[in-house]
Amino acid sequence: MANLTISLDENLVKLARIKAIQEGTSLSAKVREMLAAYVRQDLPSTPLAIPKLPTGGSGGLMPGIDPSSNRSFYEAMDADMDILKLR
């Protein structure tokens, strides 16, 4: 575990220690908990969806898709989504 030195108002630290003791924990544990919550705010709440690549029946890419072109993939995926909406 890493040590971190921070500068805080002495009275604030004293009051925080008292509150942590009243809650049955330590000030260090509370700081770890708050820092972890702070970091989690930036994480997506739902897992990222991995787009399905348009493949043919043989497992390779569908005819007409250029593997060196992102635009070709995006257009094929958009067309696939349009077909799914019609069903």
PDB file of N, CA and C in Angstrom:
ATOM      1  N   MET A   1       0.839  -1.161   0.000  1.00  0.00           N
ATOM      2  CA  MET A   1       0.000   0.000   0.000  1.00  0.00           C
ATOM      3  C   MET A   1       0.894   1.237   0.000  1.00  0.00           C
ATOM      4  N   ALA A   2       0.490   2.266  -0.747  1.00  0.00           N
ATOM      5  CA  ALA A   2       1.279   3.493  -0.836  1.00  0.00           C
ATOM      6  C   ALA A   2       0.907   4.462   0.274  1.00  0.00           C
ATOM      7  N   ASN A   3       1.883   5.232   0.707  1.00  0.00           N
ATOM      8  CA  ASN A   3       1.645   6.305   1.674  1.00  0.00           C
ATOM      9  C   ASN A   3       1.477   7.606   0.908  1.00  0.00           C
ATOM     10  N   LEU A   4       0.598   8.473   1.404  1.00  0.00           N
ATOM     11  CA  LEU A   4       0.331   9.754   0.769  1.00  0.00           C
ATOM     12  C   LEU A   4       0.379  10.847   1.819  1.00  0.00           C
ATOM     13  N   THR A   5       1.135  11.882   1.545  1.00  0.00           N
ATOM     14  CA  THR A   5       1.210  13.008   2.468  1.00  0.00           C
ATOM     15  C   THR A   5       0.363  14.143   1.908  1.00  0.00           C
ATOM     16  N   ILE A   6      -0.603  14.608   2.696  1.00  0.00           N
ATOM     17  CA  ILE A   6      -1.444  15.722   2.274  1.00  0.00           C
ATOM     18  C   ILE A   6      -1.498  16.757   3.392  1.00  0.00           C
ATOM     19  N   SER A   7      -1.776  17.980   3.035  1.00  0.00           N
ATOM     20  CA  SER A   7      -1.882  19.060   4.023  1.00  0.00           C
ATOM     21  C   SER A   7      -3.351  19.372   4.260  1.00  0.00           C
ATOM     22  N   LEU A   8      -3.779  19.260   5.527  1.00  0.00           N
ATOM     23  CA  LEU A   8      -5.168  19.521   5.897  1.00  0.00           C
ATOM     24  C   LEU A   8      -5.207  20.360   7.165  1.00  0.00           C
ATOM     25  N   ASP A   9      -6.290  21.053   7.339  1.00  0.00           N
ATOM     26  CA  ASP A   9      -6.511  21.825   8.551  1.00  0.00           C
ATOM     27  C   ASP A   9      -6.528  20.875   9.759  1.00  0.00           C
ATOM     28  N   GLU A  10      -5.793  21.206  10.809  1.00  0.00           N
ATOM     29  CA  GLU A  10      -5.686  20.335  11.983  1.00  0.00           C
ATOM     30  C   GLU A  10      -7.047  20.054  12.617  1.00  0.00           C
ATOM     31  N   ASN A  11      -7.884  21.077  12.706  1.00  0.00           N
ATOM     32  CA  ASN A  11      -9.202  20.906  13.315  1.00  0.00           C
ATOM     33  C   ASN A  11     -10.074  19.955  12.479  1.00  0.00           C
ATOM     34  N   LEU A  12      -9.963  20.067  11.163  1.00  0.00           N
ATOM     35  CA  LEU A  12     -10.710  19.178  10.277  1.00  0.00           C
ATOM     36  C   LEU A  12     -10.285  17.725  10.487  1.00  0.00           C
ATOM     37  N   VAL A  13      -8.985  17.492  10.580  1.00  0.00           N
ATOM     38  CA  VAL A  13      -8.468  16.136  10.794  1.00  0.00           C
ATOM     39  C   VAL A  13      -8.952  15.600  12.139  1.00  0.00           C
ATOM     40  N   LYS A  14      -8.909  16.430  13.167  1.00  0.00           N
ATOM     41  CA  LYS A  14      -9.340  16.015  14.504  1.00  0.00           C
ATOM     42  C   LYS A  14     -10.813  15.604  14.486  1.00  0.00           C
ATOM     43  N   LEU A  15     -11.661  16.445  13.875  1.00  0.00           N
ATOM     44  CA  LEU A  15     -13.089  16.134  13.804  1.00  0.00           C
ATOM     45  C   LEU A  15     -13.359  14.884  12.955  1.00  0.00           C
ATOM     46  N   ALA A  16     -12.597  14.739  11.861  1.00  0.00           N
ATOM     47  CA  ALA A  16     -12.762  13.567  11.000  1.00  0.00           C
ATOM     48  C   ALA A  16     -12.356  12.289  11.722  1.00  0.00           C
ATOM     49  N   ARG A  17     -11.279  12.342  12.508  1.00  0.00           N
ATOM     50  CA  ARG A  17     -10.847  11.162  13.284  1.00  0.00           C
ATOM     51  C   ARG A  17     -11.921  10.763  14.298  1.00  0.00           C
ATOM     52  N   ILE A  18     -12.486  11.755  14.968  1.00  0.00           N
ATOM     53  CA  ILE A  18     -13.538  11.480  15.954  1.00  0.00           C
ATOM     54  C   ILE A  18     -14.731  10.818  15.278  1.00  0.00           C
ATOM     55  N   LYS A  19     -15.144  11.367  14.136  1.00  0.00           N
ATOM     56  CA  LYS A  19     -16.294  10.804  13.415  1.00  0.00           C
ATOM     57  C   LYS A  19     -15.997   9.381  12.944  1.00  0.00           C
ATOM     58  N   ALA A  20     -14.785   9.149  12.439  1.00  0.00           N
ATOM     59  CA  ALA A  20     -14.412   7.805  11.979  1.00  0.00           C
ATOM     60  C   ALA A  20     -14.458   6.816  13.140  1.00  0.00           C
ATOM     61  N   ILE A  21     -13.956   7.206  14.295  1.00  0.00           N
ATOM     62  CA  ILE A  21     -13.983   6.328  15.474  1.00  0.00           C
ATOM     63  C   ILE A  21     -15.429   6.024  15.866  1.00  0.00           C
ATOM     64  N   GLN A  22     -16.280   7.038  15.816  1.00  0.00           N
ATOM     65  CA  GLN A  22     -17.697   6.841  16.140  1.00  0.00           C
ATOM     66  C   GLN A  22     -18.354   5.862  15.172  1.00  0.00           C
ATOM     67  N   GLU A  23     -17.867   5.827  13.944  1.00  0.00           N
ATOM     68  CA  GLU A  23     -18.407   4.915  12.932  1.00  0.00           C
ATOM     69  C   GLU A  23     -17.702   3.555  12.957  1.00  0.00           C
ATOM     70  N   GLY A  24     -16.757   3.391  13.882  1.00  0.00           N
ATOM     71  CA  GLY A  24     -16.064   2.110  14.005  1.00  0.00           C
ATOM     72  C   GLY A  24     -15.039   1.862  12.923  1.00  0.00           C
ATOM     73  N   THR A  25     -14.445   2.906  12.416  1.00  0.00           N
ATOM     74  CA  THR A  25     -13.451   2.754  11.364  1.00  0.00           C
ATOM     75  C   THR A  25     -12.294   3.714  11.641  1.00  0.00           C
ATOM     76  N   SER A  26     -11.402   3.843  10.678  1.00  0.00           N
ATOM     77  CA  SER A  26     -10.272   4.768  10.830  1.00  0.00           C
ATOM     78  C   SER A  26     -10.365   5.861   9.777  1.00  0.00           C
ATOM     79  N   LEU A  27      -9.668   6.931  10.017  1.00  0.00           N
ATOM     80  CA  LEU A  27      -9.649   8.025   9.049  1.00  0.00           C
ATOM     81  C   LEU A  27      -9.001   7.555   7.743  1.00  0.00           C
ATOM     82  N   SER A  28      -7.970   6.747   7.844  1.00  0.00           N
ATOM     83  CA  SER A  28      -7.327   6.204   6.636  1.00  0.00           C
ATOM     84  C   SER A  28      -8.315   5.388   5.806  1.00  0.00           C
ATOM     85  N   ALA A  29      -9.108   4.557   6.475  1.00  0.00           N
ATOM     86  CA  ALA A  29     -10.097   3.743   5.758  1.00  0.00           C
ATOM     87  C   ALA A  29     -11.128   4.626   5.071  1.00  0.00           C
ATOM     88  N   LYS A  30     -11.569   5.698   5.750  1.00  0.00           N
ATOM     89  CA  LYS A  30     -12.543   6.609   5.157  1.00  0.00           C
ATOM     90  C   LYS A  30     -11.964   7.331   3.946  1.00  0.00           C
ATOM     91  N   VAL A  31     -10.693   7.748   4.038  1.00  0.00           N
ATOM     92  CA  VAL A  31     -10.051   8.423   2.904  1.00  0.00           C
ATOM     93  C   VAL A  31      -9.933   7.464   1.722  1.00  0.00           C
ATOM     94  N   ARG A  32      -9.543   6.198   1.990  1.00  0.00           N
ATOM     95  CA  ARG A  32      -9.468   5.199   0.913  1.00  0.00           C
ATOM     96  C   ARG A  32     -10.827   5.014   0.259  1.00  0.00           C
ATOM     97  N   GLU A  33     -11.874   4.916   1.085  1.00  0.00           N
ATOM     98  CA  GLU A  33     -13.240   4.724   0.584  1.00  0.00           C
ATOM     99  C   GLU A  33     -13.666   5.908  -0.293  1.00  0.00           C
ATOM    100  N   MET A  34     -13.416   7.126   0.179  1.00  0.00           N
ATOM    101  CA  MET A  34     -13.799   8.313  -0.586  1.00  0.00           C
ATOM    102  C   MET A  34     -13.000   8.444  -1.875  1.00  0.00           C
ATOM    103  N   LEU A  35     -11.724   8.118  -1.825  1.00  0.00           N
ATOM    104  CA  LEU A  35     -10.886   8.199  -3.013  1.00  0.00           C
ATOM    105  C   LEU A  35     -11.323   7.158  -4.053  1.00  0.00           C
ATOM    106  N   ALA A  36     -11.671   5.965  -3.593  1.00  0.00           N
ATOM    107  CA  ALA A  36     -12.162   4.928  -4.508  1.00  0.00           C
ATOM    108  C   ALA A  36     -13.473   5.367  -5.154  1.00  0.00           C
ATOM    109  N   ALA A  37     -14.371   5.971  -4.391  1.00  0.00           N
ATOM    110  CA  ALA A  37     -15.642   6.465  -4.941  1.00  0.00           C
ATOM    111  C   ALA A  37     -15.379   7.570  -5.958  1.00  0.00           C
ATOM    112  N   TYR A  38     -14.424   8.429  -5.672  1.00  0.00           N
ATOM    113  CA  TYR A  38     -14.060   9.513  -6.576  1.00  0.00           C
ATOM    114  C   TYR A  38     -13.578   8.955  -7.916  1.00  0.00           C
ATOM    115  N   VAL A  39     -12.751   7.929  -7.878  1.00  0.00           N
ATOM    116  CA  VAL A  39     -12.228   7.324  -9.100  1.00  0.00           C
ATOM    117  C   VAL A  39     -13.332   6.618  -9.878  1.00  0.00           C
ATOM    118  N   ARG A  40     -14.226   5.934  -9.187  1.00  0.00           N
ATOM    119  CA  ARG A  40     -15.311   5.201  -9.854  1.00  0.00           C
ATOM    120  C   ARG A  40     -16.260   6.124 -10.608  1.00  0.00           C
ATOM    121  N   GLN A  41     -16.327   7.399 -10.260  1.00  0.00           N
ATOM    122  CA  GLN A  41     -17.223   8.332 -10.944  1.00  0.00           C
ATOM    123  C   GLN A  41     -16.902   8.433 -12.423  1.00  0.00           C
ATOM    124  N   ASP A  42     -15.644   8.245 -12.787  1.00  0.00           N
ATOM    125  CA  ASP A  42     -15.239   8.377 -14.183  1.00  0.00           C
ATOM    126  C   ASP A  42     -15.444   7.092 -14.984  1.00  0.00           C
ATOM    127  N   LEU A  43     -15.723   6.006 -14.309  1.00  0.00           N
ATOM    128  CA  LEU A  43     -15.900   4.736 -15.002  1.00  0.00           C
ATOM    129  C   LEU A  43     -17.316   4.620 -15.542  1.00  0.00           C
ATOM    130  N   PRO A  44     -17.479   4.028 -16.724  1.00  0.00           N
ATOM    131  CA  PRO A  44     -18.837   3.863 -17.253  1.00  0.00           C
ATOM    132  C   PRO A  44     -19.646   2.935 -16.355  1.00  0.00           C
ATOM    133  N   SER A  45     -20.925   3.262 -16.161  1.00  0.00           N
ATOM    134  CA  SER A  45     -21.761   2.452 -15.280  1.00  0.00           C
ATOM    135  C   SER A  45     -22.206   1.157 -15.948  1.00  0.00           C
ATOM    136  N   THR A  46     -22.233   1.131 -17.267  1.00  0.00           N
ATOM    137  CA  THR A  46     -22.586  -0.093 -17.980  1.00  0.00           C
ATOM    138  C   THR A  46     -21.388  -0.517 -18.819  1.00  0.00           C
ATOM    139  N   PRO A  47     -21.225  -1.810 -18.998  1.00  0.00           N
ATOM    140  CA  PRO A  47     -20.100  -2.265 -19.799  1.00  0.00           C
ATOM    141  C   PRO A  47     -20.225  -1.760 -21.238  1.00  0.00           C
ATOM    142  N   LEU A  48     -19.102  -1.495 -21.850  1.00  0.00           N
ATOM    143  CA  LEU A  48     -19.114  -1.044 -23.228  1.00  0.00           C
ATOM    144  C   LEU A  48     -19.565  -2.171 -24.139  1.00  0.00           C
ATOM    145  N   ALA A  49     -20.421  -1.841 -25.102  1.00  0.00           N
ATOM    146  CA  ALA A  49     -20.894  -2.841 -26.054  1.00  0.00           C
ATOM    147  C   ALA A  49     -19.851  -2.999 -27.153  1.00  0.00           C
ATOM    148  N   ILE A  50     -19.494  -4.222 -27.426  1.00  0.00           N
ATOM    149  CA  ILE A  50     -18.549  -4.506 -28.503  1.00  0.00           C
ATOM    150  C   ILE A  50     -19.362  -4.746 -29.764  1.00  0.00           C
ATOM    151  N   PRO A  51     -19.160  -3.926 -30.782  1.00  0.00           N
ATOM    152  CA  PRO A  51     -19.972  -4.087 -31.987  1.00  0.00           C
ATOM    153  C   PRO A  51     -19.691  -5.410 -32.675  1.00  0.00           C
ATOM    154  N   LYS A  52     -20.738  -5.961 -33.250  1.00  0.00           N
ATOM    155  CA  LYS A  52     -20.622  -7.212 -33.991  1.00  0.00           C
ATOM    156  C   LYS A  52     -20.133  -6.890 -35.392  1.00  0.00           C
ATOM    157  N   LEU A  53     -19.071  -7.545 -35.811  1.00  0.00           N
ATOM    158  CA  LEU A  53     -18.574  -7.321 -37.166  1.00  0.00           C
ATOM    159  C   LEU A  53     -19.444  -8.072 -38.161  1.00  0.00           C
ATOM    160  N   PRO A  54     -19.731  -7.445 -39.291  1.00  0.00           N
ATOM    161  CA  PRO A  54     -20.564  -8.112 -40.296  1.00  0.00           C
ATOM    162  C   PRO A  54     -19.805  -9.251 -40.963  1.00  0.00           C
ATOM    163  N   THR A  55     -20.236 -10.464 -40.703  1.00  0.00           N
ATOM    164  CA  THR A  55     -19.559 -11.636 -41.269  1.00  0.00           C
ATOM    165  C   THR A  55     -20.516 -12.412 -42.152  1.00  0.00           C
ATOM    166  N   GLY A  56     -19.932 -13.148 -43.058  1.00  0.00           N
ATOM    167  CA  GLY A  56     -20.715 -14.023 -43.914  1.00  0.00           C
ATOM    168  C   GLY A  56     -20.882 -15.380 -43.251  1.00  0.00           C
ATOM    169  N   GLY A  57     -21.536 -16.297 -43.904  1.00  0.00           N
ATOM    170  CA  GLY A  57     -21.788 -17.623 -43.353  1.00  0.00           C
ATOM    171  C   GLY A  57     -20.524 -18.425 -43.112  1.00  0.00           C
ATOM    172  N   SER A  58     -19.466 -18.127 -43.852  1.00  0.00           N
ATOM    173  CA  SER A  58     -18.225 -18.893 -43.715  1.00  0.00           C
ATOM    174  C   SER A  58     -17.350 -18.385 -42.571  1.00  0.00           C
ATOM    175  N   GLY A  59     -17.781 -17.318 -41.902  1.00  0.00           N
ATOM    176  CA  GLY A  59     -17.000 -16.773 -40.801  1.00  0.00           C
ATOM    177  C   GLY A  59     -16.123 -15.612 -41.214  1.00  0.00           C
ATOM    178  N   GLY A  60     -15.948 -15.407 -42.506  1.00  0.00           N
ATOM    179  CA  GLY A  60     -15.148 -14.278 -42.978  1.00  0.00           C
ATOM    180  C   GLY A  60     -16.025 -13.042 -43.121  1.00  0.00           C
ATOM    181  N   LEU A  61     -15.429 -11.973 -43.558  1.00  0.00           N
ATOM    182  CA  LEU A  61     -16.197 -10.750 -43.772  1.00  0.00           C
ATOM    183  C   LEU A  61     -17.159 -10.916 -44.941  1.00  0.00           C
ATOM    184  N   MET A  62     -18.250 -10.184 -44.853  1.00  0.00           N
ATOM    185  CA  MET A  62     -19.235 -10.217 -45.932  1.00  0.00           C
ATOM    186  C   MET A  62     -18.621  -9.615 -47.191  1.00  0.00           C
ATOM    187  N   PRO A  63     -19.068 -10.063 -48.365  1.00  0.00           N
ATOM    188  CA  PRO A  63     -18.546  -9.505 -49.616  1.00  0.00           C
ATOM    189  C   PRO A  63     -18.801  -7.998 -49.665  1.00  0.00           C
ATOM    190  N   GLY A  64     -17.851  -7.272 -50.210  1.00  0.00           N
ATOM    191  CA  GLY A  64     -18.003  -5.832 -50.369  1.00  0.00           C
ATOM    192  C   GLY A  64     -17.435  -5.017 -49.217  1.00  0.00           C
ATOM    193  N   ILE A  65     -16.969  -5.684 -48.157  1.00  0.00           N
ATOM    194  CA  ILE A  65     -16.392  -4.950 -47.026  1.00  0.00           C
ATOM    195  C   ILE A  65     -14.875  -4.912 -47.194  1.00  0.00           C
ATOM    196  N   ASP A  66     -14.346  -3.697 -47.162  1.00  0.00           N
ATOM    197  CA  ASP A  66     -12.903  -3.491 -47.297  1.00  0.00           C
ATOM    198  C   ASP A  66     -12.270  -3.533 -45.904  1.00  0.00           C
ATOM    199  N   PRO A  67     -11.477  -4.551 -45.579  1.00  0.00           N
ATOM    200  CA  PRO A  67     -10.910  -4.667 -44.235  1.00  0.00           C
ATOM    201  C   PRO A  67      -9.942  -3.534 -43.872  1.00  0.00           C
ATOM    202  N   SER A  68      -9.493  -2.760 -44.851  1.00  0.00           N
ATOM    203  CA  SER A  68      -8.582  -1.651 -44.551  1.00  0.00           C
ATOM    204  C   SER A  68      -9.334  -0.324 -44.382  1.00  0.00           C
ATOM    205  N   SER A  69     -10.673  -0.378 -44.430  1.00  0.00           N
ATOM    206  CA  SER A  69     -11.467   0.848 -44.356  1.00  0.00           C
ATOM    207  C   SER A  69     -12.425   0.818 -43.174  1.00  0.00           C
ATOM    208  N   ASN A  70     -12.215   1.724 -42.209  1.00  0.00           N
ATOM    209  CA  ASN A  70     -13.148   1.821 -41.089  1.00  0.00           C
ATOM    210  C   ASN A  70     -14.539   2.204 -41.579  1.00  0.00           C
ATOM    211  N   ARG A  71     -14.588   3.096 -42.559  1.00  0.00           N
ATOM    212  CA  ARG A  71     -15.881   3.538 -43.092  1.00  0.00           C
ATOM    213  C   ARG A  71     -16.678   2.344 -43.633  1.00  0.00           C
ATOM    214  N   SER A  72     -15.998   1.436 -44.290  1.00  0.00           N
ATOM    215  CA  SER A  72     -16.647   0.247 -44.831  1.00  0.00           C
ATOM    216  C   SER A  72     -17.281  -0.578 -43.707  1.00  0.00           C
ATOM    217  N   PHE A  73     -16.580  -0.728 -42.593  1.00  0.00           N
ATOM    218  CA  PHE A  73     -17.114  -1.459 -41.437  1.00  0.00           C
ATOM    219  C   PHE A  73     -18.317  -0.732 -40.845  1.00  0.00           C
ATOM    220  N   TYR A  74     -18.175   0.588 -40.647  1.00  0.00           N
ATOM    221  CA  TYR A  74     -19.276   1.363 -40.052  1.00  0.00           C
ATOM    222  C   TYR A  74     -20.531   1.300 -40.912  1.00  0.00           C
ATOM    223  N   GLU A  75     -20.359   1.437 -42.208  1.00  0.00           N
ATOM    224  CA  GLU A  75     -21.518   1.381 -43.110  1.00  0.00           C
ATOM    225  C   GLU A  75     -22.184   0.007 -43.060  1.00  0.00           C
ATOM    226  N   ALA A  76     -21.384  -1.052 -43.011  1.00  0.00           N
ATOM    227  CA  ALA A  76     -21.937  -2.403 -42.939  1.00  0.00           C
ATOM    228  C   ALA A  76     -22.666  -2.627 -41.619  1.00  0.00           C
ATOM    229  N   MET A  77     -22.100  -2.108 -40.517  1.00  0.00           N
ATOM    230  CA  MET A  77     -22.765  -2.261 -39.214  1.00  0.00           C
ATOM    231  C   MET A  77     -24.058  -1.466 -39.170  1.00  0.00           C
ATOM    232  N   ASP A  78     -24.045  -0.242 -39.751  1.00  0.00           N
ATOM    233  CA  ASP A  78     -25.257   0.566 -39.796  1.00  0.00           C
ATOM    234  C   ASP A  78     -26.346  -0.132 -40.609  1.00  0.00           C
ATOM    235  N   ALA A  79     -25.953  -0.724 -41.736  1.00  0.00           N
ATOM    236  CA  ALA A  79     -26.920  -1.442 -42.560  1.00  0.00           C
ATOM    237  C   ALA A  79     -27.484  -2.637 -41.800  1.00  0.00           C
ATOM    238  N   ASP A  80     -26.645  -3.319 -41.041  1.00  0.00           N
ATOM    239  CA  ASP A  80     -27.076  -4.455 -40.229  1.00  0.00           C
ATOM    240  C   ASP A  80     -28.078  -4.002 -39.169  1.00  0.00           C
ATOM    241  N   MET A  81     -27.835  -2.847 -38.551  1.00  0.00           N
ATOM    242  CA  MET A  81     -28.752  -2.323 -37.529  1.00  0.00           C
ATOM    243  C   MET A  81     -30.103  -1.949 -38.163  1.00  0.00           C
ATOM    244  N   ASP A  82     -30.063  -1.402 -39.399  1.00  0.00           N
ATOM    245  CA  ASP A  82     -31.303  -1.052 -40.087  1.00  0.00           C
ATOM    246  C   ASP A  82     -32.148  -2.300 -40.365  1.00  0.00           C
ATOM    247  N   ILE A  83     -31.487  -3.395 -40.720  1.00  0.00           N
ATOM    248  CA  ILE A  83     -32.195  -4.655 -40.984  1.00  0.00           C
ATOM    249  C   ILE A  83     -32.839  -5.157 -39.687  1.00  0.00           C
ATOM    250  N   LEU A  84     -32.120  -5.051 -38.560  1.00  0.00           N
ATOM    251  CA  LEU A  84     -32.662  -5.507 -37.285  1.00  0.00           C
ATOM    252  C   LEU A  84     -33.884  -4.689 -36.870  1.00  0.00           C
ATOM    253  N   LYS A  85     -33.904  -3.394 -37.188  1.00  0.00           N
ATOM    254  CA  LYS A  85     -35.044  -2.534 -36.836  1.00  0.00           C
ATOM    255  C   LYS A  85     -36.282  -2.908 -37.631  1.00  0.00           C
ATOM    256  N   LEU A  86     -36.093  -3.433 -38.847  1.00  0.00           N
ATOM    257  CA  LEU A  86     -37.229  -3.796 -39.692  1.00  0.00           C
ATOM    258  C   LEU A  86     -37.887  -5.085 -39.250  1.00  0.00           C
ATOM    259  N   ARG A  87     -37.186  -5.906 -38.518  1.00  0.00           N
ATOM    260  CA  ARG A  87     -37.730  -7.209 -38.099  1.00  0.00           C
ATOM    261  C   ARG A  87     -38.758  -7.055 -37.028  1.00  0.00           C
TER     262      ARG A  87
END
